[in-house]
Protein backbone atom coordinates (compact mmCIF):
# COMPACT_ATOMS: atom_id res chain seq x y z
CA UNK A 1 -5.02 -4.22 4.80
CA UNK A 2 -5.81 -7.80 3.54
CA UNK A 3 -3.22 -10.39 3.74
CA UNK A 4 -2.15 -10.82 -0.45
CA UNK A 5 1.52 -12.32 -0.25
CA UNK A 6 1.95 -16.28 -0.23
CA UNK A 7 4.40 -18.61 1.51
CA UNK A 8 6.78 -18.69 -1.35
CA UNK A 9 6.18 -15.31 -2.75
CA UNK A 10 7.44 -13.93 1.36
CA UNK A 11 10.18 -16.40 1.14
CA UNK A 12 11.52 -15.46 -1.97
CA UNK A 13 11.32 -11.35 -1.09
CA UNK A 14 12.76 -11.83 2.12
CA UNK A 15 16.35 -13.68 0.51
CA UNK A 16 15.99 -11.23 -2.50
CA UNK A 17 16.23 -8.12 0.20
CA UNK A 18 18.57 -9.64 2.24
CA UNK A 19 21.15 -10.51 -1.29
CA UNK A 20 20.48 -7.00 -1.55
CA UNK A 21 21.11 -5.23 1.67
CA UNK A 22 24.35 -7.68 2.30
CA UNK A 23 25.45 -6.68 -1.44
CA UNK A 24 24.59 -2.96 -0.10
CA UNK A 25 26.47 -2.66 3.28
CA UNK A 26 29.62 -4.42 1.69
CA UNK A 27 30.14 -2.04 -1.06
CA UNK A 28 29.68 -3.92 -3.97
CA UNK A 29 26.74 -2.62 -5.22
CA UNK A 30 26.02 1.17 -5.15
CA UNK A 31 23.21 2.95 -2.72
CA UNK A 32 20.29 1.32 -5.02
CA UNK A 33 21.05 -1.99 -2.75
CA UNK A 34 19.91 -0.62 0.17
CA UNK A 35 16.34 -0.91 -1.76
CA UNK A 36 16.86 -4.07 -0.52
CA UNK A 37 14.36 -3.23 2.18
CA UNK A 38 11.56 -2.75 0.23
CA UNK A 39 10.34 -7.00 -0.75
CA UNK A 40 12.02 -7.53 3.27
CA UNK A 41 9.37 -5.04 3.94
CA UNK A 42 6.55 -6.67 2.15
CA UNK A 43 7.51 -9.88 3.44
CA UNK A 44 7.55 -9.26 7.05
CA UNK A 45 3.86 -7.26 6.86
CA UNK A 46 2.48 -9.71 4.13
CA UNK A 47 1.00 -7.43 2.17
CA UNK A 48 2.54 -6.00 -1.02
CA UNK A 49 0.14 -2.14 -2.65
CA UNK A 50 1.89 -2.67 -5.91
CA UNK A 51 -0.02 -6.21 -5.63
CA UNK A 52 -3.35 -4.92 -5.07
CA UNK A 53 -3.86 -2.18 -7.67
CA UNK A 54 -2.67 -4.77 -10.38
CA UNK A 55 -5.33 -7.29 -8.61
CA UNK A 56 -2.68 -9.75 -7.80
CA UNK A 57 -2.91 -12.19 -4.58
CA UNK A 58 -0.25 -15.27 -3.89
CA UNK A 59 -1.73 -16.25 -0.64
CA UNK A 60 -4.12 -18.73 -0.71
CA UNK A 61 -6.16 -17.73 2.68
CA UNK A 62 -9.80 -16.78 2.01
CA UNK A 63 -10.62 -13.73 2.80
């Protein structure tokens, strides 16, 4: 599993994930808000399977 999520991408994923989870927990949005766990997990592991399929790499580190 190679790192393919950069710093800015990681921060945006954490923010989006937390916002969705908070909105789901407060009942503002439906059950789909709990899908905020996905961007949160990809930020935590710094790996996005969709990026691998699409050939995207936002991490500036060399392999």
